Amino acid sequence: MPDAQIPDPETFDVPRENWRAVTAFLALETQWRVVAGPVGLIWCGLDYAAAAAAVRGRNRRAWQRLLGELKVMESAALEVLNG
């Protein structure tokens, strides 16, 4: 396959309906709860109080939907981080 056809692993499409959740998830990159154990770091999950503060101003229904979307991404990330 010519180099021009090889997809860049750092580039990916985000469907329009997921954009809000992806940008919120990326904005929370420093809001992970992490514990240092004898075998290294254990990633526990996102700090939802910080997440709520980050999206302050959204109505309750929008926050509940976004929280559900964040939990899906958090779960996938935890599998990778704690591999």
N, C-alpha and C. Protein backbone atom coordinates (compact mmCIF):
# COMPACT_ATOMS: atom_id res chain seq x y z
N MET A 1 0.85 -1.18 0.00
CA MET A 1 0.00 0.00 0.00
C MET A 1 0.90 1.24 0.00
N PRO A 2 0.71 2.15 -0.94
CA PRO A 2 1.51 3.38 -0.97
C PRO A 2 1.31 4.18 0.31
N ASP A 3 2.38 4.89 0.72
CA ASP A 3 2.32 5.68 1.95
C ASP A 3 1.13 6.63 2.00
N ALA A 4 0.74 7.18 0.87
CA ALA A 4 -0.36 8.13 0.84
C ALA A 4 -1.69 7.48 1.22
N GLN A 5 -1.79 6.15 1.12
CA GLN A 5 -3.03 5.45 1.43
C GLN A 5 -3.06 4.88 2.84
N ILE A 6 -1.94 4.89 3.53
CA ILE A 6 -1.89 4.35 4.89
C ILE A 6 -2.51 5.37 5.83
N PRO A 7 -3.58 4.99 6.54
CA PRO A 7 -4.22 5.95 7.44
C PRO A 7 -3.33 6.29 8.63
N ASP A 8 -3.38 7.51 9.05
CA ASP A 8 -2.63 7.97 10.21
C ASP A 8 -3.35 7.47 11.47
N PRO A 9 -2.68 6.69 12.33
CA PRO A 9 -3.35 6.15 13.53
C PRO A 9 -3.76 7.23 14.53
N GLU A 10 -3.22 8.43 14.40
CA GLU A 10 -3.56 9.52 15.31
C GLU A 10 -4.75 10.33 14.81
N THR A 11 -5.22 10.05 13.61
CA THR A 11 -6.32 10.79 13.01
C THR A 11 -7.53 9.88 12.89
N PHE A 12 -8.66 10.38 13.29
CA PHE A 12 -9.89 9.59 13.19
C PHE A 12 -11.08 10.52 13.08
N ASP A 13 -12.14 10.01 12.53
CA ASP A 13 -13.37 10.78 12.38
C ASP A 13 -14.22 10.62 13.63
N VAL A 14 -14.89 11.68 14.00
CA VAL A 14 -15.85 11.65 15.11
C VAL A 14 -17.21 12.02 14.53
N PRO A 15 -18.17 11.12 14.63
CA PRO A 15 -19.51 11.46 14.14
C PRO A 15 -20.05 12.70 14.87
N ARG A 16 -20.77 13.50 14.13
CA ARG A 16 -21.29 14.76 14.66
C ARG A 16 -22.03 14.58 16.00
N GLU A 17 -22.83 13.52 16.11
CA GLU A 17 -23.61 13.31 17.33
C GLU A 17 -22.75 12.95 18.54
N ASN A 18 -21.48 12.60 18.32
CA ASN A 18 -20.57 12.26 19.42
C ASN A 18 -19.59 13.38 19.75
N TRP A 19 -19.58 14.43 18.96
CA TRP A 19 -18.59 15.48 19.12
C TRP A 19 -18.60 16.10 20.51
N ARG A 20 -19.78 16.39 21.04
CA ARG A 20 -19.89 17.02 22.36
C ARG A 20 -19.27 16.13 23.44
N ALA A 21 -19.55 14.83 23.37
CA ALA A 21 -19.01 13.91 24.37
C ALA A 21 -17.49 13.78 24.24
N VAL A 22 -16.99 13.72 23.02
CA VAL A 22 -15.54 13.59 22.82
C VAL A 22 -14.81 14.83 23.33
N THR A 23 -15.33 16.01 23.03
CA THR A 23 -14.66 17.22 23.50
C THR A 23 -14.73 17.33 25.02
N ALA A 24 -15.83 16.90 25.63
CA ALA A 24 -15.93 16.91 27.09
C ALA A 24 -14.93 15.92 27.68
N PHE A 25 -14.82 14.74 27.09
CA PHE A 25 -13.89 13.72 27.57
C PHE A 25 -12.45 14.24 27.50
N LEU A 26 -12.10 14.86 26.40
CA LEU A 26 -10.75 15.40 26.25
C LEU A 26 -10.50 16.55 27.22
N ALA A 27 -11.52 17.34 27.51
CA ALA A 27 -11.37 18.44 28.46
C ALA A 27 -11.12 17.94 29.88
N LEU A 28 -11.50 16.70 30.14
CA LEU A 28 -11.33 16.12 31.48
C LEU A 28 -10.05 15.30 31.61
N GLU A 29 -9.12 15.46 30.69
CA GLU A 29 -7.92 14.62 30.69
C GLU A 29 -7.10 14.72 31.98
N THR A 30 -7.23 15.80 32.72
CA THR A 30 -6.48 15.94 33.99
C THR A 30 -7.34 15.61 35.20
N GLN A 31 -8.52 15.06 34.97
CA GLN A 31 -9.45 14.81 36.07
C GLN A 31 -9.66 13.32 36.36
N TRP A 32 -8.62 12.54 36.18
CA TRP A 32 -8.69 11.11 36.47
C TRP A 32 -8.29 10.85 37.91
N ARG A 33 -8.96 9.92 38.55
CA ARG A 33 -8.56 9.45 39.88
C ARG A 33 -7.60 8.29 39.66
N VAL A 34 -6.40 8.44 40.23
CA VAL A 34 -5.34 7.45 40.04
C VAL A 34 -4.74 7.12 41.40
N VAL A 35 -4.46 5.83 41.61
CA VAL A 35 -3.84 5.37 42.86
C VAL A 35 -2.50 4.75 42.50
N ALA A 36 -1.46 5.10 43.26
CA ALA A 36 -0.15 4.50 43.06
C ALA A 36 -0.06 3.25 43.93
N GLY A 37 0.11 2.12 43.29
CA GLY A 37 0.23 0.85 44.00
C GLY A 37 1.62 0.27 43.82
N PRO A 38 1.87 -0.88 44.45
CA PRO A 38 3.20 -1.49 44.36
C PRO A 38 3.58 -1.93 42.94
N VAL A 39 2.58 -2.13 42.09
CA VAL A 39 2.87 -2.56 40.72
C VAL A 39 2.72 -1.43 39.71
N GLY A 40 2.49 -0.23 40.20
CA GLY A 40 2.35 0.92 39.31
C GLY A 40 1.05 1.66 39.55
N LEU A 41 0.66 2.44 38.58
CA LEU A 41 -0.56 3.24 38.71
C LEU A 41 -1.79 2.41 38.42
N ILE A 42 -2.83 2.65 39.20
CA ILE A 42 -4.13 2.04 38.98
C ILE A 42 -5.10 3.17 38.68
N TRP A 43 -5.63 3.17 37.49
CA TRP A 43 -6.57 4.21 37.07
C TRP A 43 -7.95 3.80 37.55
N CYS A 44 -8.57 4.65 38.38
CA CYS A 44 -9.87 4.34 38.99
C CYS A 44 -11.04 4.88 38.19
N GLY A 45 -10.86 5.98 37.52
CA GLY A 45 -11.95 6.57 36.74
C GLY A 45 -11.93 8.08 36.82
N LEU A 46 -12.89 8.67 36.16
CA LEU A 46 -12.99 10.14 36.13
C LEU A 46 -13.55 10.68 37.44
N ASP A 47 -13.16 11.88 37.77
CA ASP A 47 -13.71 12.60 38.92
C ASP A 47 -14.99 13.29 38.42
N TYR A 48 -16.13 12.75 38.79
CA TYR A 48 -17.40 13.27 38.25
C TYR A 48 -17.78 14.62 38.83
N ALA A 49 -17.26 14.97 40.00
CA ALA A 49 -17.50 16.33 40.51
C ALA A 49 -16.81 17.34 39.60
N ALA A 50 -15.59 17.02 39.18
CA ALA A 50 -14.87 17.89 38.25
C ALA A 50 -15.57 17.93 36.91
N ALA A 51 -16.10 16.80 36.48
CA ALA A 51 -16.82 16.75 35.21
C ALA A 51 -18.06 17.64 35.27
N ALA A 52 -18.77 17.58 36.38
CA ALA A 52 -19.97 18.41 36.53
C ALA A 52 -19.61 19.89 36.49
N ALA A 53 -18.50 20.25 37.15
CA ALA A 53 -18.07 21.65 37.15
C ALA A 53 -17.66 22.09 35.75
N ALA A 54 -17.06 21.18 34.99
CA ALA A 54 -16.59 21.51 33.64
C ALA A 54 -17.74 21.79 32.68
N VAL A 55 -18.86 21.18 32.93
CA VAL A 55 -20.00 21.37 32.02
C VAL A 55 -21.13 22.15 32.68
N ARG A 56 -20.78 22.89 33.71
CA ARG A 56 -21.77 23.70 34.42
C ARG A 56 -22.56 24.56 33.43
N GLY A 57 -23.81 24.72 33.70
CA GLY A 57 -24.65 25.52 32.83
C GLY A 57 -25.53 24.69 31.91
N ARG A 58 -25.21 23.41 31.77
CA ARG A 58 -26.07 22.54 30.97
C ARG A 58 -27.30 22.18 31.80
N ASN A 59 -28.39 21.94 31.13
CA ASN A 59 -29.57 21.52 31.88
C ASN A 59 -29.40 20.08 32.35
N ARG A 60 -30.22 19.68 33.27
CA ARG A 60 -30.09 18.36 33.90
C ARG A 60 -30.16 17.21 32.88
N ARG A 61 -31.08 17.31 31.96
CA ARG A 61 -31.23 16.24 30.96
C ARG A 61 -29.98 16.12 30.08
N ALA A 62 -29.45 17.27 29.66
CA ALA A 62 -28.24 17.27 28.83
C ALA A 62 -27.06 16.70 29.62
N TRP A 63 -26.96 17.05 30.91
CA TRP A 63 -25.88 16.53 31.76
C TRP A 63 -26.01 15.02 31.91
N GLN A 64 -27.20 14.51 32.12
CA GLN A 64 -27.39 13.07 32.28
C GLN A 64 -27.00 12.32 31.01
N ARG A 65 -27.34 12.87 29.87
CA ARG A 65 -26.96 12.23 28.61
C ARG A 65 -25.45 12.25 28.43
N LEU A 66 -24.84 13.41 28.68
CA LEU A 66 -23.39 13.54 28.55
C LEU A 66 -22.68 12.61 29.53
N LEU A 67 -23.18 12.50 30.74
CA LEU A 67 -22.58 11.61 31.73
C LEU A 67 -22.59 10.16 31.24
N GLY A 68 -23.68 9.74 30.66
CA GLY A 68 -23.76 8.39 30.11
C GLY A 68 -22.73 8.18 29.01
N GLU A 69 -22.57 9.16 28.15
CA GLU A 69 -21.58 9.07 27.07
C GLU A 69 -20.16 9.05 27.62
N LEU A 70 -19.90 9.86 28.65
CA LEU A 70 -18.58 9.88 29.28
C LEU A 70 -18.26 8.53 29.92
N LYS A 71 -19.25 7.92 30.54
CA LYS A 71 -19.03 6.62 31.19
C LYS A 71 -18.66 5.54 30.18
N VAL A 72 -19.23 5.60 28.99
CA VAL A 72 -18.87 4.63 27.95
C VAL A 72 -17.40 4.81 27.57
N MET A 73 -16.99 6.05 27.35
CA MET A 73 -15.60 6.32 26.98
C MET A 73 -14.66 6.01 28.13
N GLU A 74 -15.07 6.33 29.35
CA GLU A 74 -14.26 6.04 30.53
C GLU A 74 -14.02 4.54 30.65
N SER A 75 -15.05 3.75 30.47
CA SER A 75 -14.92 2.30 30.58
C SER A 75 -13.92 1.76 29.56
N ALA A 76 -14.01 2.24 28.33
CA ALA A 76 -13.06 1.81 27.29
C ALA A 76 -11.64 2.25 27.62
N ALA A 77 -11.50 3.47 28.13
CA ALA A 77 -10.17 3.98 28.48
C ALA A 77 -9.58 3.19 29.64
N LEU A 78 -10.40 2.83 30.63
CA LEU A 78 -9.89 2.07 31.78
C LEU A 78 -9.34 0.71 31.35
N GLU A 79 -9.99 0.09 30.38
CA GLU A 79 -9.48 -1.20 29.88
C GLU A 79 -8.08 -1.04 29.30
N VAL A 80 -7.85 0.06 28.59
CA VAL A 80 -6.54 0.31 27.99
C VAL A 80 -5.54 0.74 29.06
N LEU A 81 -5.92 1.67 29.92
CA LEU A 81 -5.00 2.21 30.92
C LEU A 81 -4.56 1.17 31.95
N ASN A 82 -5.48 0.30 32.34
CA ASN A 82 -5.15 -0.71 33.35
C ASN A 82 -4.78 -2.04 32.74
N GLY A 83 -4.84 -2.11 31.40
CA GLY A 83 -4.53 -3.27 30.58
C GLY A 83 -4.16 -4.47 31.29
